PDB file of N, CA and C in Angstrom:
ATOM      1  N   UNK A   1     -10.211 -25.537 -30.115  1.00  0.00           N
ATOM      2  CA  UNK A   1     -11.029 -24.779 -31.018  1.00  0.00           C
ATOM      3  C   UNK A   1     -11.949 -25.757 -31.753  1.00  0.00           C
ATOM      4  N   UNK A   2     -13.198 -25.419 -31.771  1.00  0.00           N
ATOM      5  CA  UNK A   2     -14.163 -26.295 -32.439  1.00  0.00           C
ATOM      6  C   UNK A   2     -14.682 -25.619 -33.692  1.00  0.00           C
ATOM      7  N   UNK A   3     -15.152 -26.466 -34.585  1.00  0.00           N
ATOM      8  CA  UNK A   3     -15.732 -25.945 -35.825  1.00  0.00           C
ATOM      9  C   UNK A   3     -17.184 -25.528 -35.581  1.00  0.00           C
ATOM     10  N   UNK A   4     -17.493 -24.444 -36.187  1.00  0.00           N
ATOM     11  CA  UNK A   4     -18.842 -23.908 -36.074  1.00  0.00           C
ATOM     12  C   UNK A   4     -19.509 -24.123 -37.432  1.00  0.00           C
ATOM     13  N   UNK A   5     -20.826 -24.240 -37.452  1.00  0.00           N
ATOM     14  CA  UNK A   5     -21.485 -24.455 -38.748  1.00  0.00           C
ATOM     15  C   UNK A   5     -21.047 -23.420 -39.783  1.00  0.00           C
ATOM     16  N   UNK A   6     -20.816 -23.854 -40.959  1.00  0.00           N
ATOM     17  CA  UNK A   6     -20.402 -22.994 -42.057  1.00  0.00           C
ATOM     18  C   UNK A   6     -18.890 -22.910 -42.179  1.00  0.00           C
ATOM     19  N   UNK A   7     -18.147 -23.863 -41.623  1.00  0.00           N
ATOM     20  CA  UNK A   7     -16.692 -23.923 -41.692  1.00  0.00           C
ATOM     21  C   UNK A   7     -15.996 -22.710 -41.067  1.00  0.00           C
ATOM     22  N   UNK A   8     -16.624 -22.079 -40.090  1.00  0.00           N
ATOM     23  CA  UNK A   8     -15.986 -20.972 -39.388  1.00  0.00           C
ATOM     24  C   UNK A   8     -15.349 -21.509 -38.112  1.00  0.00           C
ATOM     25  N   UNK A   9     -14.151 -21.002 -37.840  1.00  0.00           N
ATOM     26  CA  UNK A   9     -13.472 -21.427 -36.629  1.00  0.00           C
ATOM     27  C   UNK A   9     -13.786 -20.418 -35.525  1.00  0.00           C
ATOM     28  N   UNK A  10     -13.816 -20.889 -34.278  1.00  0.00           N
ATOM     29  CA  UNK A  10     -14.093 -19.997 -33.152  1.00  0.00           C
ATOM     30  C   UNK A  10     -13.762 -20.681 -31.842  1.00  0.00           C
ATOM     31  N   UNK A  11     -13.752 -19.899 -30.786  1.00  0.00           N
ATOM     32  CA  UNK A  11     -13.485 -20.429 -29.461  1.00  0.00           C
ATOM     33  C   UNK A  11     -14.797 -20.724 -28.755  1.00  0.00           C
ATOM     34  N   UNK A  12     -14.755 -21.722 -27.894  1.00  0.00           N
ATOM     35  CA  UNK A  12     -15.955 -22.013 -27.103  1.00  0.00           C
ATOM     36  C   UNK A  12     -16.010 -21.037 -25.934  1.00  0.00           C
ATOM     37  N   UNK A  13     -17.165 -20.910 -25.350  1.00  0.00           N
ATOM     38  CA  UNK A  13     -17.348 -20.010 -24.219  1.00  0.00           C
ATOM     39  C   UNK A  13     -16.490 -20.450 -23.027  1.00  0.00           C
ATOM     40  N   UNK A  14     -16.294 -21.753 -22.864  1.00  0.00           N
ATOM     41  CA  UNK A  14     -15.481 -22.271 -21.770  1.00  0.00           C
ATOM     42  C   UNK A  14     -14.020 -21.843 -21.953  1.00  0.00           C
ATOM     43  N   UNK A  15     -13.510 -21.938 -23.160  1.00  0.00           N
ATOM     44  CA  UNK A  15     -12.136 -21.519 -23.426  1.00  0.00           C
ATOM     45  C   UNK A  15     -11.954 -20.023 -23.162  1.00  0.00           C
ATOM     46  N   UNK A  16     -12.903 -19.218 -23.569  1.00  0.00           N
ATOM     47  CA  UNK A  16     -12.833 -17.780 -23.327  1.00  0.00           C
ATOM     48  C   UNK A  16     -12.881 -17.464 -21.832  1.00  0.00           C
ATOM     49  N   UNK A  17     -13.705 -18.178 -21.092  1.00  0.00           N
ATOM     50  CA  UNK A  17     -13.807 -17.942 -19.650  1.00  0.00           C
ATOM     51  C   UNK A  17     -12.519 -18.341 -18.922  1.00  0.00           C
ATOM     52  N   UNK A  18     -11.883 -19.409 -19.367  1.00  0.00           N
ATOM     53  CA  UNK A  18     -10.620 -19.834 -18.763  1.00  0.00           C
ATOM     54  C   UNK A  18      -9.553 -18.764 -18.996  1.00  0.00           C
ATOM     55  N   UNK A  19      -9.462 -18.244 -20.196  1.00  0.00           N
ATOM     56  CA  UNK A  19      -8.471 -17.208 -20.512  1.00  0.00           C
ATOM     57  C   UNK A  19      -8.746 -15.948 -19.690  1.00  0.00           C
ATOM     58  N   UNK A  20      -9.999 -15.555 -19.597  1.00  0.00           N
ATOM     59  CA  UNK A  20     -10.348 -14.353 -18.836  1.00  0.00           C
ATOM     60  C   UNK A  20     -10.039 -14.539 -17.355  1.00  0.00           C
ATOM     61  N   UNK A  21     -10.311 -15.713 -16.820  1.00  0.00           N
ATOM     62  CA  UNK A  21     -10.030 -15.936 -15.399  1.00  0.00           C
ATOM     63  C   UNK A  21      -8.518 -15.957 -15.139  1.00  0.00           C
ATOM     64  N   UNK A  22      -7.726 -16.495 -16.049  1.00  0.00           N
ATOM     65  CA  UNK A  22      -6.266 -16.468 -15.897  1.00  0.00           C
ATOM     66  C   UNK A  22      -5.767 -15.028 -15.927  1.00  0.00           C
ATOM     67  N   UNK A  23      -6.293 -14.231 -16.840  1.00  0.00           N
ATOM     68  CA  UNK A  23      -5.907 -12.818 -16.904  1.00  0.00           C
ATOM     69  C   UNK A  23      -6.296 -12.076 -15.622  1.00  0.00           C
ATOM     70  N   UNK A  24      -7.456 -12.381 -15.069  1.00  0.00           N
ATOM     71  CA  UNK A  24      -7.899 -11.729 -13.838  1.00  0.00           C
ATOM     72  C   UNK A  24      -6.960 -12.059 -12.675  1.00  0.00           C
ATOM     73  N   UNK A  25      -6.521 -13.304 -12.596  1.00  0.00           N
ATOM     74  CA  UNK A  25      -5.589 -13.697 -11.534  1.00  0.00           C
ATOM     75  C   UNK A  25      -4.260 -12.956 -11.701  1.00  0.00           C
ATOM     76  N   UNK A  26      -3.759 -12.884 -12.918  1.00  0.00           N
ATOM     77  CA  UNK A  26      -2.495 -12.181 -13.161  1.00  0.00           C
ATOM     78  C   UNK A  26      -2.593 -10.693 -12.835  1.00  0.00           C
ATOM     79  N   UNK A  27      -3.703 -10.065 -13.182  1.00  0.00           N
ATOM     80  CA  UNK A  27      -3.899  -8.641 -12.883  1.00  0.00           C
ATOM     81  C   UNK A  27      -3.975  -8.422 -11.375  1.00  0.00           C
ATOM     82  N   UNK A  28      -4.664  -9.289 -10.657  1.00  0.00           N
ATOM     83  CA  UNK A  28      -4.776  -9.122  -9.208  1.00  0.00           C
ATOM     84  C   UNK A  28      -3.415  -9.278  -8.521  1.00  0.00           C
ATOM     85  N   UNK A  29      -2.591 -10.178  -9.010  1.00  0.00           N
ATOM     86  CA  UNK A  29      -1.235 -10.335  -8.469  1.00  0.00           C
ATOM     87  C   UNK A  29      -0.413  -9.074  -8.743  1.00  0.00           C
ATOM     88  N   UNK A  30      -0.528  -8.530  -9.930  1.00  0.00           N
ATOM     89  CA  UNK A  30       0.228  -7.332 -10.287  1.00  0.00           C
ATOM     90  C   UNK A  30      -0.205  -6.132  -9.451  1.00  0.00           C
ATOM     91  N   UNK A  31      -1.493  -5.962  -9.237  1.00  0.00           N
ATOM     92  CA  UNK A  31      -1.995  -4.840  -8.441  1.00  0.00           C
ATOM     93  C   UNK A  31      -1.532  -4.958  -6.991  1.00  0.00           C
ATOM     94  N   UNK A  32      -1.597  -6.150  -6.422  1.00  0.00           N
ATOM     95  CA  UNK A  32      -1.157  -6.355  -5.045  1.00  0.00           C
ATOM     96  C   UNK A  32       0.342  -6.068  -4.913  1.00  0.00           C
ATOM     97  N   UNK A  33       1.118  -6.532  -5.859  1.00  0.00           N
ATOM     98  CA  UNK A  33       2.556  -6.297  -5.833  1.00  0.00           C
ATOM     99  C   UNK A  33       2.865  -4.806  -5.962  1.00  0.00           C
ATOM    100  N   UNK A  34       2.141  -4.111  -6.809  1.00  0.00           N
ATOM    101  CA  UNK A  34       2.345  -2.678  -7.004  1.00  0.00           C
ATOM    102  C   UNK A  34       2.036  -1.896  -5.731  1.00  0.00           C
ATOM    103  N   UNK A  35       0.956  -2.226  -5.058  1.00  0.00           N
ATOM    104  CA  UNK A  35       0.589  -1.476  -3.856  1.00  0.00           C
ATOM    105  C   UNK A  35       1.598  -1.701  -2.735  1.00  0.00           C
ATOM    106  N   UNK A  36       2.127  -2.916  -2.615  1.00  0.00           N
ATOM    107  CA  UNK A  36       3.156  -3.193  -1.611  1.00  0.00           C
ATOM    108  C   UNK A  36       4.430  -2.418  -1.956  1.00  0.00           C
ATOM    109  N   UNK A  37       4.803  -2.400  -3.208  1.00  0.00           N
ATOM    110  CA  UNK A  37       6.004  -1.676  -3.636  1.00  0.00           C
ATOM    111  C   UNK A  37       5.850  -0.174  -3.421  1.00  0.00           C
ATOM    112  N   UNK A  38       4.672   0.345  -3.669  1.00  0.00           N
ATOM    113  CA  UNK A  38       4.416   1.769  -3.482  1.00  0.00           C
ATOM    114  C   UNK A  38       4.542   2.153  -2.011  1.00  0.00           C
ATOM    115  N   UNK A  39       3.969   1.352  -1.124  1.00  0.00           N
ATOM    116  CA  UNK A  39       4.064   1.626   0.315  1.00  0.00           C
ATOM    117  C   UNK A  39       5.508   1.543   0.796  1.00  0.00           C
ATOM    118  N   UNK A  40       6.237   0.559   0.329  1.00  0.00           N
ATOM    119  CA  UNK A  40       7.636   0.406   0.726  1.00  0.00           C
ATOM    120  C   UNK A  40       8.476   1.571   0.199  1.00  0.00           C
ATOM    121  N   UNK A  41       8.167   2.025  -0.996  1.00  0.00           N
ATOM    122  CA  UNK A  41       8.887   3.165  -1.564  1.00  0.00           C
ATOM    123  C   UNK A  41       8.682   4.435  -0.755  1.00  0.00           C
ATOM    124  N   UNK A  42       7.467   4.656  -0.276  1.00  0.00           N
ATOM    125  CA  UNK A  42       7.195   5.829   0.562  1.00  0.00           C
ATOM    126  C   UNK A  42       7.927   5.723   1.894  1.00  0.00           C
ATOM    127  N   UNK A  43       8.005   4.528   2.439  1.00  0.00           N
ATOM    128  CA  UNK A  43       8.724   4.324   3.694  1.00  0.00           C
ATOM    129  C   UNK A  43      10.212   4.618   3.503  1.00  0.00           C
ATOM    130  N   UNK A  44      10.783   4.143   2.417  1.00  0.00           N
ATOM    131  CA  UNK A  44      12.205   4.376   2.130  1.00  0.00           C
ATOM    132  C   UNK A  44      12.458   5.868   1.913  1.00  0.00           C
ATOM    133  N   UNK A  45      11.553   6.545   1.205  1.00  0.00           N
ATOM    134  CA  UNK A  45      11.705   7.985   0.981  1.00  0.00           C
ATOM    135  C   UNK A  45      11.663   8.744   2.303  1.00  0.00           C
ATOM    136  N   UNK A  46      10.797   8.324   3.207  1.00  0.00           N
ATOM    137  CA  UNK A  46      10.708   8.955   4.524  1.00  0.00           C
ATOM    138  C   UNK A  46      12.012   8.757   5.293  1.00  0.00           C
ATOM    139  N   UNK A  47      12.538   7.545   5.287  1.00  0.00           N
ATOM    140  CA  UNK A  47      13.795   7.261   5.987  1.00  0.00           C
ATOM    141  C   UNK A  47      14.939   8.102   5.400  1.00  0.00           C
ATOM    142  N   UNK A  48      14.956   8.256   4.088  1.00  0.00           N
ATOM    143  CA  UNK A  48      15.986   9.067   3.436  1.00  0.00           C
ATOM    144  C   UNK A  48      15.858  10.529   3.867  1.00  0.00           C
ATOM    145  N   UNK A  49      14.630  11.066   3.878  1.00  0.00           N
ATOM    146  CA  UNK A  49      14.416  12.450   4.300  1.00  0.00           C
ATOM    147  C   UNK A  49      14.909  12.666   5.729  1.00  0.00           C
ATOM    148  N   UNK A  50      14.586  11.722   6.621  1.00  0.00           N
ATOM    149  CA  UNK A  50      15.029  11.840   8.003  1.00  0.00           C
ATOM    150  C   UNK A  50      16.553  11.826   8.103  1.00  0.00           C
ATOM    151  N   UNK A  51      17.191  11.004   7.300  1.00  0.00           N
ATOM    152  CA  UNK A  51      18.660  10.944   7.306  1.00  0.00           C
ATOM    153  C   UNK A  51      19.258  12.264   6.826  1.00  0.00           C
ATOM    154  N   UNK A  52      18.671  12.842   5.785  1.00  0.00           N
ATOM    155  CA  UNK A  52      19.159  14.128   5.273  1.00  0.00           C
ATOM    156  C   UNK A  52      19.024  15.206   6.348  1.00  0.00           C
ATOM    157  N   UNK A  53      17.878  15.238   7.020  1.00  0.00           N
ATOM    158  CA  UNK A  53      17.651  16.248   8.058  1.00  0.00           C
ATOM    159  C   UNK A  53      18.620  16.044   9.222  1.00  0.00           C
ATOM    160  N   UNK A  54      18.791  14.800   9.645  1.00  0.00           N
ATOM    161  CA  UNK A  54      19.701  14.528  10.770  1.00  0.00           C
ATOM    162  C   UNK A  54      21.145  14.882  10.421  1.00  0.00           C
ATOM    163  N   UNK A  55      21.559  14.598   9.201  1.00  0.00           N
ATOM    164  CA  UNK A  55      22.911  14.973   8.775  1.00  0.00           C
ATOM    165  C   UNK A  55      23.067  16.497   8.746  1.00  0.00           C
ATOM    166  N   UNK A  56      22.019  17.194   8.309  1.00  0.00           N
ATOM    167  CA  UNK A  56      22.066  18.657   8.273  1.00  0.00           C
ATOM    168  C   UNK A  56      22.145  19.225   9.690  1.00  0.00           C
ATOM    169  N   UNK A  57      21.459  18.608  10.644  1.00  0.00           N
ATOM    170  CA  UNK A  57      21.523  19.057  12.036  1.00  0.00           C
ATOM    171  C   UNK A  57      22.943  18.879  12.580  1.00  0.00           C
ATOM    172  N   UNK A  58      23.572  17.753  12.252  1.00  0.00           N
ATOM    173  CA  UNK A  58      24.955  17.517  12.696  1.00  0.00           C
ATOM    174  C   UNK A  58      25.875  18.599  12.123  1.00  0.00           C
ATOM    175  N   UNK A  59      25.726  18.911  10.850  1.00  0.00           N
ATOM    176  CA  UNK A  59      26.560  19.960  10.241  1.00  0.00           C
ATOM    177  C   UNK A  59      26.272  21.322  10.871  1.00  0.00           C
ATOM    178  N   UNK A  60      25.015  21.606  11.118  1.00  0.00           N
ATOM    179  CA  UNK A  60      24.640  22.872  11.745  1.00  0.00           C
ATOM    180  C   UNK A  60      25.333  23.007  13.098  1.00  0.00           C
ATOM    181  N   UNK A  61      25.265  21.937  13.893  1.00  0.00           N
ATOM    182  CA  UNK A  61      25.899  21.960  15.214  1.00  0.00           C
ATOM    183  C   UNK A  61      27.415  22.141  15.106  1.00  0.00           C
ATOM    184  N   UNK A  62      28.012  21.504  14.111  1.00  0.00           N
ATOM    185  CA  UNK A  62      29.465  21.589  13.942  1.00  0.00           C
ATOM    186  C   UNK A  62      29.917  23.020  13.649  1.00  0.00           C
ATOM    187  N   UNK A  63      29.149  23.721  12.829  1.00  0.00           N
ATOM    188  CA  UNK A  63      29.537  25.071  12.426  1.00  0.00           C
ATOM    189  C   UNK A  63      28.943  26.159  13.312  1.00  0.00           C
ATOM    190  N   UNK A  64      28.171  25.791  14.323  1.00  0.00           N
ATOM    191  CA  UNK A  64      27.560  26.773  15.218  1.00  0.00           C
ATOM    192  C   UNK A  64      27.840  26.454  16.681  1.00  0.00           C
ATOM    193  N   UNK A  65      29.048  26.009  16.960  1.00  0.00           N
ATOM    194  CA  UNK A  65      29.513  25.758  18.320  1.00  0.00           C
ATOM    195  C   UNK A  65      28.578  24.837  19.109  1.00  0.00           C
ATOM    196  N   UNK A  66      28.162  23.755  18.483  1.00  0.00           N
ATOM    197  CA  UNK A  66      27.309  22.719  19.094  1.00  0.00           C
ATOM    198  C   UNK A  66      25.918  23.218  19.461  1.00  0.00           C
ATOM    199  N   UNK A  67      25.540  24.379  18.982  1.00  0.00           N
ATOM    200  CA  UNK A  67      24.186  24.895  19.213  1.00  0.00           C
ATOM    201  C   UNK A  67      23.229  24.193  18.261  1.00  0.00           C
ATOM    202  N   UNK A  68      22.097  23.741  18.783  1.00  0.00           N
ATOM    203  CA  UNK A  68      21.094  23.071  17.951  1.00  0.00           C
ATOM    204  C   UNK A  68      20.219  24.123  17.268  1.00  0.00           C
ATOM    205  N   UNK A  69      19.731  23.821  16.059  1.00  0.00           N
ATOM    206  CA  UNK A  69      18.843  24.786  15.393  1.00  0.00           C
ATOM    207  C   UNK A  69      17.531  24.934  16.166  1.00  0.00           C
ATOM    208  N   UNK A  70      16.981  26.141  16.151  1.00  0.00           N
ATOM    209  CA  UNK A  70      15.706  26.374  16.833  1.00  0.00           C
ATOM    210  C   UNK A  70      14.548  25.692  16.115  1.00  0.00           C
ATOM    211  N   UNK A  71      14.644  25.613  14.802  1.00  0.00           N
ATOM    212  CA  UNK A  71      13.622  24.930  14.003  1.00  0.00           C
ATOM    213  C   UNK A  71      14.292  24.347  12.765  1.00  0.00           C
ATOM    214  N   UNK A  72      13.563  23.512  12.066  1.00  0.00           N
ATOM    215  CA  UNK A  72      14.124  22.909  10.846  1.00  0.00           C
ATOM    216  C   UNK A  72      14.334  23.951   9.756  1.00  0.00           C
ATOM    217  N   UNK A  73      13.590  25.049   9.817  1.00  0.00           N
ATOM    218  CA  UNK A  73      13.750  26.109   8.816  1.00  0.00           C
ATOM    219  C   UNK A  73      15.126  26.763   8.899  1.00  0.00           C
ATOM    220  N   UNK A  74      15.791  26.660  10.055  1.00  0.00           N
ATOM    221  CA  UNK A  74      17.139  27.226  10.195  1.00  0.00           C
ATOM    222  C   UNK A  74      18.166  26.486   9.344  1.00  0.00           C
ATOM    223  N   UNK A  75      17.817  25.297   8.883  1.00  0.00           N
ATOM    224  CA  UNK A  75      18.751  24.489   8.080  1.00  0.00           C
ATOM    225  C   UNK A  75      18.784  24.910   6.615  1.00  0.00           C
ATOM    226  N   UNK A  76      17.749  25.653   6.189  1.00  0.00           N
ATOM    227  CA  UNK A  76      17.618  26.059   4.786  1.00  0.00           C
ATOM    228  C   UNK A  76      18.211  27.448   4.632  1.00  0.00           C
ATOM    229  N   UNK A  77      18.939  27.769   3.635  1.00  0.00           N
ATOM    230  CA  UNK A  77      19.467  27.019   2.507  1.00  0.00           C
ATOM    231  C   UNK A  77      20.898  26.535   2.711  1.00  0.00           C
ATOM    232  N   UNK A  78      21.498  26.825   3.882  1.00  0.00           N
ATOM    233  CA  UNK A  78      22.912  26.502   4.071  1.00  0.00           C
ATOM    234  C   UNK A  78      23.194  25.008   4.186  1.00  0.00           C
ATOM    235  N   UNK A  79      22.263  24.253   4.775  1.00  0.00           N
ATOM    236  CA  UNK A  79      22.517  22.836   5.034  1.00  0.00           C
ATOM    237  C   UNK A  79      21.575  21.903   4.277  1.00  0.00           C
ATOM    238  N   UNK A  80      20.439  22.423   3.866  1.00  0.00           N
ATOM    239  CA  UNK A  80      19.469  21.670   3.059  1.00  0.00           C
ATOM    240  C   UNK A  80      19.028  22.579   1.929  1.00  0.00           C
ATOM    241  N   UNK A  81      18.875  22.004   0.743  1.00  0.00           N
ATOM    242  CA  UNK A  81      18.471  22.805  -0.414  1.00  0.00           C
ATOM    243  C   UNK A  81      17.121  23.473  -0.185  1.00  0.00           C
ATOM    244  N   UNK A  82      16.992  24.663  -0.733  1.00  0.00           N
ATOM    245  CA  UNK A  82      15.726  25.383  -0.672  1.00  0.00           C
ATOM    246  C   UNK A  82      14.659  24.578  -1.412  1.00  0.00           C
ATOM    247  N   UNK A  83      13.483  24.465  -0.855  1.00  0.00           N
ATOM    248  CA  UNK A  83      12.404  23.701  -1.467  1.00  0.00           C
ATOM    249  C   UNK A  83      12.252  22.298  -0.903  1.00  0.00           C
ATOM    250  N   UNK A  84      13.167  21.900  -0.005  1.00  0.00           N
ATOM    251  CA  UNK A  84      13.065  20.583   0.633  1.00  0.00           C
ATOM    252  C   UNK A  84      11.791  20.547   1.468  1.00  0.00           C
ATOM    253  N   UNK A  85      11.040  19.455   1.359  1.00  0.00           N
ATOM    254  CA  UNK A  85       9.792  19.334   2.109  1.00  0.00           C
ATOM    255  C   UNK A  85      10.050  18.595   3.409  1.00  0.00           C
ATOM    256  N   UNK A  86       9.676  19.222   4.505  1.00  0.00           N
ATOM    257  CA  UNK A  86       9.862  18.631   5.823  1.00  0.00           C
ATOM    258  C   UNK A  86       8.625  17.855   6.250  1.00  0.00           C
ATOM    259  N   UNK A  87       8.128  17.022   5.347  1.00  0.00           N
ATOM    260  CA  UNK A  87       6.960  16.210   5.675  1.00  0.00           C
ATOM    261  C   UNK A  87       7.119  14.799   5.134  1.00  0.00           C
ATOM    262  N   UNK A  88       6.356  13.898   5.721  1.00  0.00           N
ATOM    263  CA  UNK A  88       6.406  12.484   5.345  1.00  0.00           C
ATOM    264  C   UNK A  88       5.774  12.290   3.967  1.00  0.00           C
ATOM    265  N   UNK A  89       6.452  11.609   3.040  1.00  0.00           N
ATOM    266  CA  UNK A  89       5.883  11.375   1.713  1.00  0.00           C
ATOM    267  C   UNK A  89       4.625  10.504   1.749  1.00  0.00           C
ATOM    268  N   UNK A  90       4.463   9.723   2.817  1.00  0.00           N
ATOM    269  CA  UNK A  90       3.325   8.817   2.927  1.00  0.00           C
ATOM    270  C   UNK A  90       2.064   9.537   3.391  1.00  0.00           C
ATOM    271  N   UNK A  91       2.165  10.308   4.469  1.00  0.00           N
ATOM    272  CA  UNK A  91       0.978  10.933   5.059  1.00  0.00           C
ATOM    273  C   UNK A  91       0.924  12.438   4.857  1.00  0.00           C
ATOM    274  N   UNK A  92       2.044  13.056   4.576  1.00  0.00           N
ATOM    275  CA  UNK A  92       2.075  14.506   4.425  1.00  0.00           C
ATOM    276  C   UNK A  92       2.208  15.245   5.752  1.00  0.00           C
ATOM    277  N   UNK A  93       2.310  14.514   6.859  1.00  0.00           N
ATOM    278  CA  UNK A  93       2.471  15.151   8.163  1.00  0.00           C
ATOM    279  C   UNK A  93       3.896  15.665   8.310  1.00  0.00           C
ATOM    280  N   UNK A  94       4.012  16.833   8.945  1.00  0.00           N
ATOM    281  CA  UNK A  94       5.333  17.399   9.176  1.00  0.00           C
ATOM    282  C   UNK A  94       6.115  16.534  10.155  1.00  0.00           C
ATOM    283  N   UNK A  95       7.434  16.497   9.944  1.00  0.00           N
ATOM    284  CA  UNK A  95       8.292  15.771  10.874  1.00  0.00           C
ATOM    285  C   UNK A  95       8.310  16.503  12.212  1.00  0.00           C
ATOM    286  N   UNK A  96       8.407  15.746  13.289  1.00  0.00           N
ATOM    287  CA  UNK A  96       8.470  16.307  14.639  1.00  0.00           C
ATOM    288  C   UNK A  96       9.925  16.627  14.959  1.00  0.00           C
ATOM    289  N   UNK A  97      10.191  17.874  15.349  1.00  0.00           N
ATOM    290  CA  UNK A  97      11.546  18.282  15.712  1.00  0.00           C
ATOM    291  C   UNK A  97      11.527  18.804  17.140  1.00  0.00           C
ATOM    292  N   UNK A  98      12.416  18.279  17.965  1.00  0.00           N
ATOM    293  CA  UNK A  98      12.567  18.724  19.346  1.00  0.00           C
ATOM    294  C   UNK A  98      13.846  19.559  19.427  1.00  0.00           C
ATOM    295  N   UNK A  99      13.701  20.868  19.589  1.00  0.00           N
ATOM    296  CA  UNK A  99      14.868  21.751  19.589  1.00  0.00           C
ATOM    297  C   UNK A  99      15.725  21.574  20.844  1.00  0.00           C
ATOM    298  N   UNK A 100      15.162  21.003  21.904  1.00  0.00           N
ATOM    299  CA  UNK A 100      15.954  20.770  23.121  1.00  0.00           C
ATOM    300  C   UNK A 100      16.959  19.639  22.925  1.00  0.00           C
ATOM    301  N   UNK A 101      16.511  18.560  22.272  1.00  0.00           N
ATOM    302  CA  UNK A 101      17.390  17.404  22.076  1.00  0.00           C
ATOM    303  C   UNK A 101      18.029  17.385  20.694  1.00  0.00           C
ATOM    304  N   UNK A 102      17.440  18.123  19.751  1.00  0.00           N
ATOM    305  CA  UNK A 102      17.949  18.105  18.383  1.00  0.00           C
ATOM    306  C   UNK A 102      17.516  16.880  17.605  1.00  0.00           C
ATOM    307  N   UNK A 103      16.507  16.166  18.099  1.00  0.00           N
ATOM    308  CA  UNK A 103      16.021  14.954  17.441  1.00  0.00           C
ATOM    309  C   UNK A 103      14.859  15.268  16.505  1.00  0.00           C
ATOM    310  N   UNK A 104      14.831  14.580  15.392  1.00  0.00           N
ATOM    311  CA  UNK A 104      13.732  14.700  14.437  1.00  0.00           C
ATOM    312  C   UNK A 104      13.189  13.304  14.181  1.00  0.00           C
ATOM    313  N   UNK A 105      11.852  13.201  14.052  1.00  0.00           N
ATOM    314  CA  UNK A 105      11.247  11.889  13.818  1.00  0.00           C
ATOM    315  C   UNK A 105       9.959  12.030  13.020  1.00  0.00           C
ATOM    316  N   UNK A 106       9.548  10.925  12.449  1.00  0.00           N
ATOM    317  CA  UNK A 106       8.295  10.834  11.705  1.00  0.00           C
ATOM    318  C   UNK A 106       7.244  10.227  12.633  1.00  0.00           C
ATOM    319  N   UNK A 107       6.042  10.767  12.584  1.00  0.00           N
ATOM    320  CA  UNK A 107       4.971  10.271  13.449  1.00  0.00           C
ATOM    321  C   UNK A 107       4.175   9.133  12.815  1.00  0.00           C
ATOM    322  N   UNK A 108       4.465   8.800  11.573  1.00  0.00           N
ATOM    323  CA  UNK A 108       3.760   7.729  10.883  1.00  0.00           C
ATOM    324  C   UNK A 108       4.201   6.373  11.434  1.00  0.00           C
ATOM    325  N   UNK A 109       3.274   5.531  11.863  1.00  0.00           N
ATOM    326  CA  UNK A 109       3.662   4.206  12.373  1.00  0.00           C
ATOM    327  C   UNK A 109       4.422   3.409  11.309  1.00  0.00           C
ATOM    328  N   UNK A 110       5.497   2.774  11.730  1.00  0.00           N
ATOM    329  CA  UNK A 110       6.303   1.971  10.816  1.00  0.00           C
ATOM    330  C   UNK A 110       7.438   2.732  10.172  1.00  0.00           C
ATOM    331  N   UNK A 111       7.494   4.055  10.374  1.00  0.00           N
ATOM    332  CA  UNK A 111       8.552   4.863   9.757  1.00  0.00           C
ATOM    333  C   UNK A 111       9.633   5.232  10.759  1.00  0.00           C
ATOM    334  N   UNK A 112       9.635   4.604  11.914  1.00  0.00           N
ATOM    335  CA  UNK A 112      10.664   4.897  12.904  1.00  0.00           C
ATOM    336  C   UNK A 112      12.002   4.424  12.371  1.00  0.00           C
ATOM    337  N   UNK A 113      13.019   5.126  12.759  1.00  0.00           N
ATOM    338  CA  UNK A 113      14.356   4.779  12.283  1.00  0.00           C
ATOM    339  C   UNK A 113      15.105   3.955  13.302  1.00  0.00           C
TER     340      UNK A 113
END
């Protein structure tokens, strides 16, 4: 800190620029970390949804003489709570269900189980 005429204290422009540039670097690191965490959180939520659906299909088969559900809507409300969304939290695309094999999957790249 240097003295300014009239005995007033103040910061030089160089000191202010250094502080601002340090803050900019810290903000950019925080934003990058947040976006990576957000993407990973959506991936984890998708994997959890798929696990819930697959577990519900197993229960459905157990109580229906190994018959697979015709659609995912057959799982509601007995095996999955009413209001459950059958779509990927990342893209909003509906999960793909094959009634012949009883398999369900997400079409979003990187969300395979």
